[in-house]
Amino acid sequence: MSEPYSAADGLVRVYPAREPNGTGLVWAHGGAFAFGDLDMPESDWVASELAARGTTVVSVDYRLAPVPAGWTDAAAPAVAGHHYPAASDDMLAAWAWLVGNAGELRVDPDRLAIGGTSAGGNLAAGATLRLIERRAALPALVLLAYPTLLAVQPAPDAALRAALDAQPGADRFGADVVRAMYENYLGGSVERAPLGAIPGLARPVDLVQFPPTLIVNGDVDELRVSGEAFAASLRAAG
């Protein structure tokens, strides 16, 4: 595999496939919309492993939301950032860059995917909905790993609640935490937010053109609730 390199004026880090099989992936890390970077394992390690197996990965250094005072250290000041749609716009720009440079990257324009982890999964799903709205070229596949897709997250069922109670360290993404995360991302209320920001609100009629999707949820993770809800909507859309 060639060494990763920066492209698109620093927006993306490209991981060229060692032996290209024609597939390409735009990939977004997680971090509650306000944290994370291209060097974290779910970004760098995943991209490196996929590139070693034939997929060229375009990892997106999207603009982060503000870090409110108290999120990391009660004494720390707030850190400036960018509200929606900044990160989503960056995903669309990275997607357009991959499509426009497919030939140079030795990837098949018909075998391109978009995806991400946690908040990055939200960005991938939201960007895909925005591509549908724009009647633009769509991914052949959407890959969502333990995504957060709903701002108002329903309560887990009894089995998941029991699993979370048995593993308190995994019980980090309850409804209040998730709603606060989205309010910070949006810069205000989650009411009347667009589907690009909260893709889990998409109805089956909104998802008819949505590409085939692979969702990997965590067994003991309250974010699983929104992943399962989105999967149900996709199934209903066919």
C-alpha atoms as a PDB file:
ATOM      1  CA  MET A   1       0.000   0.000   0.000  1.00  0.00           C
ATOM      2  CA  SER A   2       1.247   3.493  -0.813  1.00  0.00           C
ATOM      3  CA  GLU A   3       1.558   5.887   2.081  1.00  0.00           C
ATOM      4  CA  PRO A   4      -1.592   7.851   2.972  1.00  0.00           C
ATOM      5  CA  TYR A   5      -1.577  11.422   1.719  1.00  0.00           C
ATOM      6  CA  SER A   6      -3.586  14.601   2.171  1.00  0.00           C
ATOM      7  CA  ALA A   7      -5.779  15.855  -0.666  1.00  0.00           C
ATOM      8  CA  ALA A   8      -8.658  18.202  -1.486  1.00  0.00           C
ATOM      9  CA  ASP A   9      -6.927  21.108   0.275  1.00  0.00           C
ATOM     10  CA  GLY A  10      -6.541  19.074   3.445  1.00  0.00           C
ATOM     11  CA  LEU A  11     -10.160  17.967   3.674  1.00  0.00           C
ATOM     12  CA  VAL A  12      -9.320  14.290   3.188  1.00  0.00           C
ATOM     13  CA  ARG A  13      -6.577  11.771   3.838  1.00  0.00           C
ATOM     14  CA  VAL A  14      -6.362   9.201   1.061  1.00  0.00           C
ATOM     15  CA  TYR A  15      -5.361   5.606   1.794  1.00  0.00           C
ATOM     16  CA  PRO A  16      -4.518   4.062  -1.610  1.00  0.00           C
ATOM     17  CA  ALA A  17      -5.303   0.379  -1.911  1.00  0.00           C
ATOM     18  CA  ARG A  18      -2.301  -1.934  -1.999  1.00  0.00           C
ATOM     19  CA  GLU A  19      -3.857  -4.002  -4.782  1.00  0.00           C
ATOM     20  CA  PRO A  20      -6.911  -2.026  -5.955  1.00  0.00           C
ATOM     21  CA  ASN A  21     -10.067  -4.040  -6.504  1.00  0.00           C
ATOM     22  CA  GLY A  22     -11.976  -1.039  -7.829  1.00  0.00           C
ATOM     23  CA  THR A  23     -13.824  -0.177  -4.629  1.00  0.00           C
ATOM     24  CA  GLY A  24     -13.628   3.181  -2.875  1.00  0.00           C
ATOM     25  CA  LEU A  25     -14.984   4.471   0.421  1.00  0.00           C
ATOM     26  CA  VAL A  26     -15.573   7.913   1.925  1.00  0.00           C
ATOM     27  CA  TRP A  27     -15.187   7.341   5.673  1.00  0.00           C
ATOM     28  CA  ALA A  28     -16.004   9.532   8.697  1.00  0.00           C
ATOM     29  CA  HIS A  29     -14.819   9.051  12.264  1.00  0.00           C
ATOM     30  CA  GLY A  30     -17.044   9.511  15.289  1.00  0.00           C
ATOM     31  CA  GLY A  31     -16.755  11.701  18.374  1.00  0.00           C
ATOM     32  CA  ALA A  32     -20.167  13.196  19.246  1.00  0.00           C
ATOM     33  CA  PHE A  33     -19.740  15.637  16.313  1.00  0.00           C
ATOM     34  CA  ALA A  34     -17.329  17.672  18.482  1.00  0.00           C
ATOM     35  CA  PHE A  35     -14.341  15.354  18.970  1.00  0.00           C
ATOM     36  CA  GLY A  36     -12.211  12.869  17.051  1.00  0.00           C
ATOM     37  CA  ASP A  37      -9.617  13.086  14.296  1.00  0.00           C
ATOM     38  CA  LEU A  38      -8.072  11.168  11.421  1.00  0.00           C
ATOM     39  CA  ASP A  39      -5.566   9.403  13.669  1.00  0.00           C
ATOM     40  CA  MET A  40      -8.042   7.662  15.964  1.00  0.00           C
ATOM     41  CA  PRO A  41      -8.282   3.878  15.417  1.00  0.00           C
ATOM     42  CA  GLU A  42     -11.804   3.911  13.993  1.00  0.00           C
ATOM     43  CA  SER A  43     -10.476   6.257  11.345  1.00  0.00           C
ATOM     44  CA  ASP A  44      -6.817   5.419  10.668  1.00  0.00           C
ATOM     45  CA  TRP A  45      -6.788   1.709  11.588  1.00  0.00           C
ATOM     46  CA  VAL A  46      -9.994   0.949   9.708  1.00  0.00           C
ATOM     47  CA  ALA A  47      -8.816   2.851   6.637  1.00  0.00           C
ATOM     48  CA  SER A  48      -5.427   1.101   6.683  1.00  0.00           C
ATOM     49  CA  GLU A  49      -6.975  -2.343   7.046  1.00  0.00           C
ATOM     50  CA  LEU A  50      -9.412  -1.768   4.201  1.00  0.00           C
ATOM     51  CA  ALA A  51      -6.693  -0.350   1.960  1.00  0.00           C
ATOM     52  CA  ALA A  52      -4.603  -3.453   2.615  1.00  0.00           C
ATOM     53  CA  ARG A  53      -7.550  -5.492   1.322  1.00  0.00           C
ATOM     54  CA  GLY A  54      -8.100  -3.596  -1.913  1.00  0.00           C
ATOM     55  CA  THR A  55     -10.361  -0.651  -1.046  1.00  0.00           C
ATOM     56  CA  THR A  56      -9.112   2.909  -1.468  1.00  0.00           C
ATOM     57  CA  VAL A  57     -10.347   4.938   1.505  1.00  0.00           C
ATOM     58  CA  VAL A  58     -10.922   8.678   1.630  1.00  0.00           C
ATOM     59  CA  SER A  59     -11.033   9.649   5.317  1.00  0.00           C
ATOM     60  CA  VAL A  60     -12.739  12.996   5.963  1.00  0.00           C
ATOM     61  CA  ASP A  61     -11.312  15.620   8.307  1.00  0.00           C
ATOM     62  CA  TYR A  62     -14.696  17.260   8.693  1.00  0.00           C
ATOM     63  CA  ARG A  63     -15.263  20.418  10.696  1.00  0.00           C
ATOM     64  CA  LEU A  64     -16.181  19.704  14.306  1.00  0.00           C
ATOM     65  CA  ALA A  65     -18.971  21.199  16.364  1.00  0.00           C
ATOM     66  CA  PRO A  66     -18.094  23.409  19.329  1.00  0.00           C
ATOM     67  CA  VAL A  67     -16.955  21.794  22.570  1.00  0.00           C
ATOM     68  CA  PRO A  68     -19.086  23.390  25.309  1.00  0.00           C
ATOM     69  CA  ALA A  69     -17.474  24.340  28.590  1.00  0.00           C
ATOM     70  CA  GLY A  70     -17.632  21.419  30.990  1.00  0.00           C
ATOM     71  CA  TRP A  71     -17.779  18.636  28.404  1.00  0.00           C
ATOM     72  CA  THR A  72     -14.168  17.651  29.008  1.00  0.00           C
ATOM     73  CA  ASP A  73     -13.142  19.567  32.117  1.00  0.00           C
ATOM     74  CA  ALA A  74     -15.431  21.601  34.323  1.00  0.00           C
ATOM     75  CA  ALA A  75     -12.824  24.368  34.415  1.00  0.00           C
ATOM     76  CA  ALA A  76     -12.070  24.344  30.688  1.00  0.00           C
ATOM     77  CA  PRO A  77     -13.442  27.141  28.500  1.00  0.00           C
ATOM     78  CA  ALA A  78     -15.719  26.419  25.576  1.00  0.00           C
ATOM     79  CA  VAL A  79     -13.952  25.603  22.307  1.00  0.00           C
ATOM     80  CA  ALA A  80     -15.255  27.221  19.138  1.00  0.00           C
ATOM     81  CA  GLY A  81     -16.490  25.041  16.320  1.00  0.00           C
ATOM     82  CA  HIS A  82     -19.006  24.695  13.514  1.00  0.00           C
ATOM     83  CA  HIS A  83     -22.690  23.819  13.649  1.00  0.00           C
ATOM     84  CA  TYR A  84     -24.689  21.865  11.063  1.00  0.00           C
ATOM     85  CA  PRO A  85     -24.393  21.815   8.067  1.00  0.00           C
ATOM     86  CA  ALA A  86     -20.599  22.339   8.155  1.00  0.00           C
ATOM     87  CA  ALA A  87     -19.612  18.716   8.763  1.00  0.00           C
ATOM     88  CA  SER A  88     -22.307  17.465   6.387  1.00  0.00           C
ATOM     89  CA  ASP A  89     -21.106  19.872   3.699  1.00  0.00           C
ATOM     90  CA  ASP A  90     -17.591  18.500   4.176  1.00  0.00           C
ATOM     91  CA  MET A  91     -18.901  14.968   3.638  1.00  0.00           C
ATOM     92  CA  LEU A  92     -20.581  16.060   0.407  1.00  0.00           C
ATOM     93  CA  ALA A  93     -17.373  17.774  -0.719  1.00  0.00           C
ATOM     94  CA  ALA A  94     -15.338  14.643   0.021  1.00  0.00           C
ATOM     95  CA  TRP A  95     -17.849  12.503  -1.870  1.00  0.00           C
ATOM     96  CA  ALA A  96     -17.738  14.843  -4.875  1.00  0.00           C
ATOM     97  CA  TRP A  97     -13.923  14.758  -4.760  1.00  0.00           C
ATOM     98  CA  LEU A  98     -13.863  10.948  -4.779  1.00  0.00           C
ATOM     99  CA  VAL A  99     -16.349  10.767  -7.660  1.00  0.00           C
ATOM    100  CA  GLY A 100     -14.400  13.377  -9.612  1.00  0.00           C
ATOM    101  CA  ASN A 101     -11.051  11.658  -9.051  1.00  0.00           C
ATOM    102  CA  ALA A 102     -12.176   8.049  -9.427  1.00  0.00           C
ATOM    103  CA  GLY A 103     -10.066   7.438 -12.528  1.00  0.00           C
ATOM    104  CA  GLU A 104      -6.863   8.771 -11.003  1.00  0.00           C
ATOM    105  CA  LEU A 105      -7.499   6.762  -7.829  1.00  0.00           C
ATOM    106  CA  ARG A 106      -8.152   3.579  -9.849  1.00  0.00           C
ATOM    107  CA  VAL A 107     -11.632   3.079  -8.394  1.00  0.00           C
ATOM    108  CA  ASP A 108     -14.823   2.204 -10.238  1.00  0.00           C
ATOM    109  CA  PRO A 109     -17.395   5.046 -10.052  1.00  0.00           C
ATOM    110  CA  ASP A 110     -20.091   2.376  -9.740  1.00  0.00           C
ATOM    111  CA  ARG A 111     -18.389   0.728  -6.739  1.00  0.00           C
ATOM    112  CA  LEU A 112     -18.073   3.651  -4.345  1.00  0.00           C
ATOM    113  CA  ALA A 113     -19.370   3.591  -0.768  1.00  0.00           C
ATOM    114  CA  ILE A 114     -19.857   6.114   2.020  1.00  0.00           C
ATOM    115  CA  GLY A 115     -19.823   5.374   5.725  1.00  0.00           C
ATOM    116  CA  GLY A 116     -18.672   6.151   9.206  1.00  0.00           C
ATOM    117  CA  THR A 117     -18.760   5.339  12.889  1.00  0.00           C
ATOM    118  CA  SER A 118     -21.099   6.780  15.525  1.00  0.00           C
ATOM    119  CA  ALA A 119     -21.503  10.490  14.661  1.00  0.00           C
ATOM    120  CA  GLY A 120     -19.645   9.707  11.437  1.00  0.00           C
ATOM    121  CA  GLY A 121     -22.378   7.207  10.621  1.00  0.00           C
ATOM    122  CA  ASN A 122     -24.885  10.006  11.043  1.00  0.00           C
ATOM    123  CA  LEU A 123     -22.865  12.176   8.661  1.00  0.00           C
ATOM    124  CA  ALA A 124     -22.726   9.394   6.063  1.00  0.00           C
ATOM    125  CA  ALA A 125     -26.459   8.682   6.234  1.00  0.00           C
ATOM    126  CA  GLY A 126     -27.329  12.378   6.266  1.00  0.00           C
ATOM    127  CA  ALA A 127     -25.066  13.136   3.311  1.00  0.00           C
ATOM    128  CA  THR A 128     -26.702  10.314   1.366  1.00  0.00           C
ATOM    129  CA  LEU A 129     -30.158  11.790   1.991  1.00  0.00           C
ATOM    130  CA  ARG A 130     -28.888  15.155   0.799  1.00  0.00           C
ATOM    131  CA  LEU A 131     -27.446  13.541  -2.342  1.00  0.00           C
ATOM    132  CA  ILE A 132     -30.877  12.039  -3.018  1.00  0.00           C
ATOM    133  CA  GLU A 133     -32.459  15.479  -2.596  1.00  0.00           C
ATOM    134  CA  ARG A 134     -29.951  16.932  -5.068  1.00  0.00           C
ATOM    135  CA  ARG A 135     -30.408  14.054  -7.535  1.00  0.00           C
ATOM    136  CA  ALA A 136     -26.651  13.585  -7.455  1.00  0.00           C
ATOM    137  CA  ALA A 137     -24.609  10.421  -7.950  1.00  0.00           C
ATOM    138  CA  LEU A 138     -25.337   8.033  -5.081  1.00  0.00           C
ATOM    139  CA  PRO A 139     -23.070   5.555  -3.312  1.00  0.00           C
ATOM    140  CA  ALA A 140     -23.409   1.911  -4.255  1.00  0.00           C
ATOM    141  CA  LEU A 141     -23.305   1.066  -0.540  1.00  0.00           C
ATOM    142  CA  VAL A 142     -23.699   2.832   2.816  1.00  0.00           C
ATOM    143  CA  LEU A 143     -21.707   1.480   5.794  1.00  0.00           C
ATOM    144  CA  LEU A 144     -22.843   2.542   9.261  1.00  0.00           C
ATOM    145  CA  ALA A 145     -20.933   1.343  12.321  1.00  0.00           C
ATOM    146  CA  TYR A 146     -22.689   1.889  15.673  1.00  0.00           C
ATOM    147  CA  PRO A 147     -24.341   5.005  14.228  1.00  0.00           C
ATOM    148  CA  THR A 148     -26.303   7.671  16.067  1.00  0.00           C
ATOM    149  CA  LEU A 149     -29.270   8.565  13.876  1.00  0.00           C
ATOM    150  CA  LEU A 150     -31.933   9.986  16.203  1.00  0.00           C
ATOM    151  CA  ALA A 151     -31.724  13.064  18.418  1.00  0.00           C
ATOM    152  CA  VAL A 152     -34.706  11.960  20.504  1.00  0.00           C
ATOM    153  CA  GLN A 153     -33.658   8.418  21.229  1.00  0.00           C
ATOM    154  CA  PRO A 154     -36.351   5.935  22.314  1.00  0.00           C
ATOM    155  CA  ALA A 155     -35.811   3.920  25.466  1.00  0.00           C
ATOM    156  CA  PRO A 156     -34.054   0.577  24.993  1.00  0.00           C
ATOM    157  CA  ASP A 157     -36.071  -2.614  25.271  1.00  0.00           C
ATOM    158  CA  ALA A 158     -35.900  -4.697  28.437  1.00  0.00           C
ATOM    159  CA  ALA A 159     -33.103  -6.940  27.184  1.00  0.00           C
ATOM    160  CA  LEU A 160     -30.829  -4.069  26.210  1.00  0.00           C
ATOM    161  CA  ARG A 161     -31.657  -2.196  29.413  1.00  0.00           C
ATOM    162  CA  ALA A 162     -30.637  -5.228  31.444  1.00  0.00           C
ATOM    163  CA  ALA A 163     -27.399  -5.585  29.469  1.00  0.00           C
ATOM    164  CA  LEU A 164     -26.548  -1.928  30.049  1.00  0.00           C
ATOM    165  CA  ASP A 165     -27.293  -2.235  33.762  1.00  0.00           C
ATOM    166  CA  ALA A 166     -24.943  -5.210  33.918  1.00  0.00           C
ATOM    167  CA  GLN A 167     -22.157  -3.241  32.182  1.00  0.00           C
ATOM    168  CA  PRO A 168     -22.346   0.325  33.570  1.00  0.00           C
ATOM    169  CA  GLY A 169     -19.225   1.348  31.675  1.00  0.00           C
ATOM    170  CA  ALA A 170     -21.072   0.829  28.408  1.00  0.00           C
ATOM    171  CA  ASP A 171     -24.082   2.872  29.522  1.00  0.00           C
ATOM    172  CA  ARG A 172     -22.855   6.189  28.146  1.00  0.00           C
ATOM    173  CA  PHE A 173     -25.363   7.213  25.497  1.00  0.00           C
ATOM    174  CA  GLY A 174     -28.698   7.655  27.212  1.00  0.00           C
ATOM    175  CA  ALA A 175     -31.450   9.860  25.822  1.00  0.00           C
ATOM    176  CA  ASP A 176     -30.390  13.036  27.658  1.00  0.00           C
ATOM    177  CA  VAL A 177     -26.753  12.721  26.591  1.00  0.00           C
ATOM    178  CA  VAL A 178     -27.698  12.101  22.971  1.00  0.00           C
ATOM    179  CA  ARG A 179     -30.156  14.982  22.822  1.00  0.00           C
ATOM    180  CA  ALA A 180     -27.552  17.374  24.267  1.00  0.00           C
ATOM    181  CA  MET A 181     -25.062  16.130  21.671  1.00  0.00           C
ATOM    182  CA  TYR A 182     -27.475  16.958  18.844  1.00  0.00           C
ATOM    183  CA  GLU A 183     -28.432  20.334  20.285  1.00  0.00           C
ATOM    184  CA  ASN A 184     -24.746  21.200  20.351  1.00  0.00           C
ATOM    185  CA  TYR A 185     -24.301  19.938  16.775  1.00  0.00           C
ATOM    186  CA  LEU A 186     -27.297  21.911  15.536  1.00  0.00           C
ATOM    187  CA  GLY A 187     -26.641  24.999  17.626  1.00  0.00           C
ATOM    188  CA  GLY A 188     -30.191  24.938  18.925  1.00  0.00           C
ATOM    189  CA  SER A 189     -33.345  22.891  19.247  1.00  0.00           C
ATOM    190  CA  VAL A 190     -33.710  19.502  17.602  1.00  0.00           C
ATOM    191  CA  GLU A 191     -37.287  20.390  16.654  1.00  0.00           C
ATOM    192  CA  ARG A 192     -37.777  20.760  12.890  1.00  0.00           C
ATOM    193  CA  ALA A 193     -34.174  19.802  12.181  1.00  0.00           C
ATOM    194  CA  PRO A 194     -33.578  18.608   8.590  1.00  0.00           C
ATOM    195  CA  LEU A 195     -33.202  14.938   7.722  1.00  0.00           C
ATOM    196  CA  GLY A 196     -29.610  15.627   6.756  1.00  0.00           C
ATOM    197  CA  ALA A 197     -28.911  16.280  10.433  1.00  0.00           C
ATOM    198  CA  ILE A 198     -31.176  13.611  11.926  1.00  0.00           C
ATOM    199  CA  PRO A 199     -31.439  10.888   9.272  1.00  0.00           C
ATOM    200  CA  GLY A 200     -33.249   8.512  11.622  1.00  0.00           C
ATOM    201  CA  LEU A 201     -36.354  10.663  11.141  1.00  0.00           C
ATOM    202  CA  ALA A 202     -36.553   9.656   7.479  1.00  0.00           C
ATOM    203  CA  ARG A 203     -39.777   7.837   6.609  1.00  0.00           C
ATOM    204  CA  PRO A 204     -39.849   4.874   4.265  1.00  0.00           C
ATOM    205  CA  VAL A 205     -41.069   7.181   1.489  1.00  0.00           C
ATOM    206  CA  ASP A 206     -37.912   9.282   2.001  1.00  0.00           C
ATOM    207  CA  LEU A 207     -35.718   6.179   1.723  1.00  0.00           C
ATOM    208  CA  VAL A 208     -36.964   4.588  -1.493  1.00  0.00           C
ATOM    209  CA  GLN A 209     -33.781   5.630  -3.333  1.00  0.00           C
ATOM    210  CA  PHE A 210     -31.462   5.016  -0.383  1.00  0.00           C
ATOM    211  CA  PRO A 211     -28.628   2.629  -1.368  1.00  0.00           C
ATOM    212  CA  PRO A 212     -28.117  -0.859   0.080  1.00  0.00           C
ATOM    213  CA  THR A 213     -26.931  -0.388   3.650  1.00  0.00           C
ATOM    214  CA  LEU A 214     -24.856  -2.383   6.124  1.00  0.00           C
ATOM    215  CA  ILE A 215     -25.420  -1.390   9.757  1.00  0.00           C
ATOM    216  CA  VAL A 216     -23.153  -2.773  12.483  1.00  0.00           C
ATOM    217  CA  ASN A 217     -24.601  -2.054  15.932  1.00  0.00           C
ATOM    218  CA  GLY A 218     -22.943  -2.616  19.281  1.00  0.00           C
ATOM    219  CA  ASP A 219     -24.615  -5.353  21.362  1.00  0.00           C
ATOM    220  CA  VAL A 220     -24.410  -3.330  24.591  1.00  0.00           C
ATOM    221  CA  ASP A 221     -24.804   0.213  23.305  1.00  0.00           C
ATOM    222  CA  GLU A 222     -27.873   2.411  23.611  1.00  0.00           C
ATOM    223  CA  LEU A 223     -27.095   3.936  20.194  1.00  0.00           C
ATOM    224  CA  ARG A 224     -28.213   0.559  18.881  1.00  0.00           C
ATOM    225  CA  VAL A 225     -31.813   1.744  19.330  1.00  0.00           C
ATOM    226  CA  SER A 226     -31.539   4.313  16.539  1.00  0.00           C
ATOM    227  CA  GLY A 227     -29.567   1.943  14.307  1.00  0.00           C
ATOM    228  CA  GLU A 228     -32.298  -0.663  14.600  1.00  0.00           C
ATOM    229  CA  ALA A 229     -35.019   1.932  13.985  1.00  0.00           C
ATOM    230  CA  PHE A 230     -33.277   3.129  10.825  1.00  0.00           C
ATOM    231  CA  ALA A 231     -32.840  -0.451   9.631  1.00  0.00           C
ATOM    232  CA  ALA A 232     -36.573  -1.011  10.081  1.00  0.00           C
ATOM    233  CA  SER A 233     -37.344   2.077   8.010  1.00  0.00           C
ATOM    234  CA  LEU A 234     -34.961   0.907   5.276  1.00  0.00           C
ATOM    235  CA  ARG A 235     -36.630  -2.511   5.209  1.00  0.00           C
ATOM    236  CA  ALA A 236     -40.032  -0.866   4.945  1.00  0.00           C
ATOM    237  CA  ALA A 237     -38.714   1.156   1.988  1.00  0.00           C
ATOM    238  CA  GLY A 238     -37.615  -2.026   0.272  1.00  0.00           C
END
